[in-house]
Amino acid sequence: VERGLGVALLPGTAVAREVAGKTLRAVKMKDAPPMQNTIVAYRRRDAGKPEGIVAAFLDLLESK
């Protein structure tokens, strides 16, 4: 894409440096639906009880 050979749909955070450096140009798409990703993580049952930051993160997810 930087060489002018294509188009990519990327999050702004992934190309912020290139846009600021003018090696890429951001183009807004009219009426484009928002992009979203679904991430699924499984914890093994035999992994033991989560502790510390992992436990806090799981508590945060469960509260939503």
Protein backbone atom coordinates (compact mmCIF):
# COMPACT_ATOMS: atom_id res chain seq x y z
CA VAL A 1 0.00 0.00 0.00
CA GLU A 2 2.83 2.42 0.82
CA ARG A 3 4.17 1.87 -2.70
CA GLY A 4 0.88 2.86 -4.29
CA LEU A 5 -0.05 -0.68 -5.24
CA GLY A 6 -3.25 -1.18 -3.30
CA VAL A 7 -5.78 -0.30 -0.67
CA ALA A 8 -6.07 -1.57 2.90
CA LEU A 9 -8.70 -1.17 5.59
CA LEU A 10 -6.76 -0.67 8.81
CA PRO A 11 -7.42 0.90 12.20
CA GLY A 12 -6.06 4.42 12.49
CA THR A 13 -3.86 3.41 15.42
CA ALA A 14 -2.04 0.92 13.19
CA VAL A 15 -1.01 3.57 10.64
CA ALA A 16 -0.88 6.79 12.69
CA ARG A 17 2.89 7.13 12.27
CA GLU A 18 2.71 6.62 8.50
CA VAL A 19 -0.16 9.10 8.13
CA ALA A 20 1.75 11.66 10.23
CA GLY A 21 4.86 11.06 8.11
CA LYS A 22 2.76 11.38 4.94
CA THR A 23 3.83 8.00 3.57
CA LEU A 24 0.17 6.96 3.74
CA ARG A 25 -3.01 8.97 3.39
CA ALA A 26 -6.18 8.27 5.34
CA VAL A 27 -9.36 8.34 3.28
CA LYS A 28 -12.76 8.37 4.95
CA MET A 29 -15.25 5.96 3.44
CA LYS A 30 -18.75 7.34 3.07
CA ASP A 31 -21.43 5.20 4.75
CA ALA A 32 -18.94 2.47 5.70
CA PRO A 33 -20.12 0.22 8.52
CA PRO A 34 -17.92 0.28 11.63
CA MET A 35 -15.33 -2.46 11.80
CA GLN A 36 -15.24 -4.75 14.80
CA ASN A 37 -13.31 -7.77 15.97
CA THR A 38 -14.50 -10.53 18.23
CA ILE A 39 -11.84 -12.03 20.45
CA VAL A 40 -12.45 -15.22 22.39
CA ALA A 41 -10.08 -16.57 25.03
CA TYR A 42 -10.40 -19.84 26.88
CA ARG A 43 -8.66 -20.71 30.11
CA ARG A 44 -7.79 -24.33 30.75
CA ARG A 45 -9.71 -25.84 33.66
CA ASP A 46 -6.51 -27.27 35.13
CA ALA A 47 -4.68 -23.92 35.00
CA GLY A 48 -5.57 -23.09 38.60
CA LYS A 49 -7.35 -20.04 39.97
CA PRO A 50 -6.40 -16.77 38.23
CA GLU A 51 -4.44 -14.34 40.39
CA GLY A 52 -3.32 -10.74 40.31
CA ILE A 53 -3.82 -8.77 37.13
CA VAL A 54 -5.35 -11.75 35.31
CA ALA A 55 -8.02 -12.09 38.01
CA ALA A 56 -8.69 -8.33 37.89
CA PHE A 57 -9.04 -8.43 34.11
CA LEU A 58 -11.47 -11.36 34.25
CA ASP A 59 -13.50 -9.54 36.94
CA LEU A 60 -13.69 -6.51 34.66
CA LEU A 61 -14.90 -8.63 31.74
CA GLU A 62 -17.52 -10.35 33.87
CA SER A 63 -18.84 -6.99 35.13
CA LYS A 64 -19.71 -5.83 31.59
